[in-house]
Amino acid sequence: MKAKVYVTLKKGVLDPQGKAVMGALNSMSFAEVKDVRIGKFMELELNAASKDEEEKRLREMCERLLANTVIENYRIEIEG
């Protein structure tokens, strides 16, 4: 099974990389850009017995390694 994991900073957490990209876009005449938040995207392929088991294991991976849950949120999408 394939899964997608999206990791984003929580609201209120400073995003200096996003601010830098926003500044660059504005300086390139993309003045309509009012905010940019940078995150992470991961595709994983797993051999899980069931969709429930896959979701459980993905949540464990996110909680332990893929996301810093103090400052980041994550979202999982399972294909198939």
N, C-alpha and C. Protein backbone atom coordinates (compact mmCIF):
# COMPACT_ATOMS: atom_id res chain seq x y z
N MET A 1 0.83 -1.18 0.00
CA MET A 1 0.00 0.00 0.00
C MET A 1 0.88 1.25 0.00
N LYS A 2 0.39 2.29 -0.64
CA LYS A 2 1.11 3.56 -0.66
C LYS A 2 0.42 4.54 0.27
N ALA A 3 1.23 5.39 0.86
CA ALA A 3 0.70 6.42 1.75
C ALA A 3 1.45 7.72 1.51
N LYS A 4 0.76 8.82 1.76
CA LYS A 4 1.36 10.14 1.68
C LYS A 4 1.26 10.77 3.06
N VAL A 5 2.35 11.41 3.47
CA VAL A 5 2.39 12.10 4.77
C VAL A 5 2.75 13.55 4.51
N TYR A 6 1.91 14.44 5.02
CA TYR A 6 2.15 15.88 4.92
C TYR A 6 2.45 16.40 6.32
N VAL A 7 3.56 17.11 6.47
CA VAL A 7 3.96 17.67 7.76
C VAL A 7 4.04 19.19 7.59
N THR A 8 3.33 19.92 8.46
CA THR A 8 3.33 21.38 8.40
C THR A 8 3.53 21.95 9.80
N LEU A 9 4.07 23.16 9.84
CA LEU A 9 4.24 23.83 11.12
C LEU A 9 2.88 24.21 11.70
N LYS A 10 2.76 24.13 13.00
CA LYS A 10 1.53 24.56 13.66
C LYS A 10 1.38 26.07 13.53
N LYS A 11 0.13 26.53 13.56
CA LYS A 11 -0.11 27.97 13.53
C LYS A 11 0.59 28.61 14.71
N GLY A 12 1.15 29.77 14.49
CA GLY A 12 1.84 30.48 15.55
C GLY A 12 3.32 30.16 15.65
N VAL A 13 3.77 29.11 14.96
CA VAL A 13 5.20 28.77 14.95
C VAL A 13 5.86 29.55 13.82
N LEU A 14 6.90 30.27 14.14
CA LEU A 14 7.63 31.07 13.17
C LEU A 14 8.18 30.19 12.05
N ASP A 15 8.01 30.63 10.81
CA ASP A 15 8.49 29.89 9.64
C ASP A 15 9.45 30.77 8.84
N PRO A 16 10.73 30.85 9.25
CA PRO A 16 11.67 31.72 8.55
C PRO A 16 11.88 31.34 7.09
N GLN A 17 11.83 30.07 6.77
CA GLN A 17 11.99 29.63 5.38
C GLN A 17 10.81 30.13 4.54
N GLY A 18 9.61 30.03 5.08
CA GLY A 18 8.43 30.53 4.40
C GLY A 18 8.50 32.03 4.18
N LYS A 19 8.97 32.77 5.20
CA LYS A 19 9.11 34.22 5.07
C LYS A 19 10.13 34.58 3.99
N ALA A 20 11.22 33.83 3.91
CA ALA A 20 12.24 34.09 2.89
C ALA A 20 11.68 33.85 1.49
N VAL A 21 10.92 32.78 1.32
CA VAL A 21 10.31 32.50 0.02
C VAL A 21 9.29 33.58 -0.33
N MET A 22 8.49 34.00 0.64
CA MET A 22 7.52 35.06 0.41
C MET A 22 8.21 36.35 -0.01
N GLY A 23 9.28 36.71 0.66
CA GLY A 23 10.04 37.90 0.31
C GLY A 23 10.60 37.83 -1.10
N ALA A 24 11.12 36.66 -1.46
CA ALA A 24 11.67 36.48 -2.81
C ALA A 24 10.57 36.59 -3.86
N LEU A 25 9.42 35.97 -3.60
CA LEU A 25 8.32 36.07 -4.55
C LEU A 25 7.84 37.52 -4.71
N ASN A 26 7.72 38.22 -3.59
CA ASN A 26 7.31 39.63 -3.64
C ASN A 26 8.31 40.46 -4.43
N SER A 27 9.61 40.20 -4.23
CA SER A 27 10.63 40.97 -4.95
C SER A 27 10.66 40.63 -6.44
N MET A 28 10.04 39.51 -6.82
CA MET A 28 9.96 39.10 -8.22
C MET A 28 8.62 39.52 -8.84
N SER A 29 7.96 40.47 -8.19
CA SER A 29 6.70 41.04 -8.68
C SER A 29 5.49 40.12 -8.51
N PHE A 30 5.57 39.20 -7.58
CA PHE A 30 4.40 38.38 -7.23
C PHE A 30 3.79 38.95 -5.95
N ALA A 31 3.31 40.19 -6.05
CA ALA A 31 2.83 40.93 -4.89
C ALA A 31 1.56 40.35 -4.29
N GLU A 32 0.85 39.51 -5.03
CA GLU A 32 -0.38 38.91 -4.50
C GLU A 32 -0.13 37.87 -3.42
N VAL A 33 1.11 37.41 -3.28
CA VAL A 33 1.45 36.42 -2.25
C VAL A 33 1.52 37.13 -0.90
N LYS A 34 0.63 36.73 0.01
CA LYS A 34 0.55 37.37 1.33
C LYS A 34 1.20 36.54 2.44
N ASP A 35 1.34 35.22 2.22
CA ASP A 35 1.99 34.38 3.23
C ASP A 35 2.43 33.08 2.58
N VAL A 36 3.50 32.52 3.07
CA VAL A 36 4.00 31.23 2.60
C VAL A 36 4.39 30.42 3.83
N ARG A 37 3.94 29.17 3.88
CA ARG A 37 4.33 28.24 4.94
C ARG A 37 4.99 27.05 4.25
N ILE A 38 6.15 26.66 4.70
CA ILE A 38 6.89 25.55 4.11
C ILE A 38 6.67 24.31 4.96
N GLY A 39 6.48 23.18 4.30
CA GLY A 39 6.28 21.93 5.01
C GLY A 39 7.08 20.80 4.36
N LYS A 40 6.74 19.58 4.73
CA LYS A 40 7.41 18.39 4.18
C LYS A 40 6.34 17.47 3.60
N PHE A 41 6.70 16.78 2.54
CA PHE A 41 5.82 15.80 1.91
C PHE A 41 6.61 14.52 1.73
N MET A 42 6.02 13.39 2.13
CA MET A 42 6.68 12.10 2.02
C MET A 42 5.74 11.07 1.42
N GLU A 43 6.27 10.23 0.55
CA GLU A 43 5.52 9.08 0.03
C GLU A 43 6.17 7.83 0.58
N LEU A 44 5.36 6.96 1.13
CA LEU A 44 5.87 5.72 1.69
C LEU A 44 5.10 4.56 1.08
N GLU A 45 5.80 3.46 0.90
CA GLU A 45 5.16 2.23 0.46
C GLU A 45 5.36 1.21 1.57
N LEU A 46 4.25 0.64 2.02
CA LEU A 46 4.29 -0.27 3.16
C LEU A 46 3.71 -1.62 2.80
N ASN A 47 4.15 -2.62 3.53
CA ASN A 47 3.57 -3.96 3.47
C ASN A 47 2.81 -4.18 4.77
N ALA A 48 1.59 -3.73 4.81
CA ALA A 48 0.79 -3.88 6.03
C ALA A 48 -0.31 -4.90 5.78
N ALA A 49 -0.73 -5.55 6.85
CA ALA A 49 -1.76 -6.58 6.75
C ALA A 49 -3.12 -5.98 6.40
N SER A 50 -3.37 -4.76 6.85
CA SER A 50 -4.66 -4.12 6.61
C SER A 50 -4.50 -2.61 6.59
N LYS A 51 -5.52 -1.93 6.13
CA LYS A 51 -5.48 -0.46 6.09
C LYS A 51 -5.42 0.10 7.51
N ASP A 52 -6.13 -0.52 8.44
CA ASP A 52 -6.09 -0.08 9.84
C ASP A 52 -4.69 -0.23 10.43
N GLU A 53 -4.05 -1.35 10.14
CA GLU A 53 -2.69 -1.59 10.63
C GLU A 53 -1.72 -0.58 10.01
N GLU A 54 -1.90 -0.31 8.71
CA GLU A 54 -1.04 0.64 8.04
C GLU A 54 -1.18 2.04 8.66
N GLU A 55 -2.41 2.44 8.90
CA GLU A 55 -2.63 3.76 9.50
C GLU A 55 -2.02 3.84 10.90
N LYS A 56 -2.17 2.78 11.67
CA LYS A 56 -1.58 2.73 13.02
C LYS A 56 -0.06 2.87 12.95
N ARG A 57 0.56 2.13 12.06
CA ARG A 57 2.02 2.17 11.93
C ARG A 57 2.49 3.53 11.42
N LEU A 58 1.76 4.12 10.48
CA LEU A 58 2.12 5.45 9.98
C LEU A 58 2.05 6.49 11.09
N ARG A 59 1.03 6.42 11.92
CA ARG A 59 0.91 7.36 13.04
C ARG A 59 2.09 7.19 14.01
N GLU A 60 2.48 5.96 14.25
CA GLU A 60 3.66 5.71 15.10
C GLU A 60 4.90 6.33 14.47
N MET A 61 5.08 6.16 13.16
CA MET A 61 6.24 6.73 12.47
C MET A 61 6.25 8.25 12.59
N CYS A 62 5.09 8.85 12.40
CA CYS A 62 5.00 10.32 12.49
C CYS A 62 5.29 10.80 13.90
N GLU A 63 4.73 10.13 14.89
CA GLU A 63 4.92 10.54 16.28
C GLU A 63 6.36 10.37 16.74
N ARG A 64 7.05 9.36 16.20
CA ARG A 64 8.40 9.06 16.67
C ARG A 64 9.51 9.68 15.84
N LEU A 65 9.27 9.94 14.53
CA LEU A 65 10.36 10.41 13.69
C LEU A 65 9.97 11.45 12.65
N LEU A 66 8.92 11.22 11.91
CA LEU A 66 8.64 12.04 10.73
C LEU A 66 8.18 13.45 11.05
N ALA A 67 7.57 13.65 12.21
CA ALA A 67 7.09 14.98 12.60
C ALA A 67 7.52 15.30 14.03
N ASN A 68 7.85 16.54 14.26
CA ASN A 68 8.11 17.02 15.61
C ASN A 68 6.78 17.55 16.12
N THR A 69 6.05 16.72 16.84
CA THR A 69 4.67 17.05 17.20
C THR A 69 4.54 18.22 18.18
N VAL A 70 5.66 18.71 18.70
CA VAL A 70 5.62 19.91 19.54
C VAL A 70 5.32 21.13 18.67
N ILE A 71 5.91 21.17 17.47
CA ILE A 71 5.74 22.35 16.60
C ILE A 71 5.11 22.03 15.25
N GLU A 72 4.87 20.74 14.95
CA GLU A 72 4.34 20.36 13.64
C GLU A 72 3.07 19.52 13.75
N ASN A 73 2.22 19.67 12.75
CA ASN A 73 1.07 18.81 12.56
C ASN A 73 1.38 17.87 11.40
N TYR A 74 0.69 16.74 11.35
CA TYR A 74 0.86 15.85 10.21
C TYR A 74 -0.51 15.34 9.77
N ARG A 75 -0.56 14.98 8.49
CA ARG A 75 -1.77 14.43 7.90
C ARG A 75 -1.37 13.24 7.05
N ILE A 76 -2.13 12.17 7.13
CA ILE A 76 -1.83 10.94 6.40
C ILE A 76 -2.94 10.67 5.39
N GLU A 77 -2.53 10.30 4.16
CA GLU A 77 -3.47 9.85 3.14
C GLU A 77 -3.02 8.47 2.68
N ILE A 78 -3.91 7.51 2.74
CA ILE A 78 -3.60 6.14 2.32
C ILE A 78 -4.30 5.87 1.00
N GLU A 79 -3.53 5.41 0.02
CA GLU A 79 -4.08 5.10 -1.30
C GLU A 79 -4.47 3.64 -1.35
N GLY A 80 -5.52 3.38 -2.09
CA GLY A 80 -5.92 2.00 -2.32
C GLY A 80 -6.83 1.47 -1.36
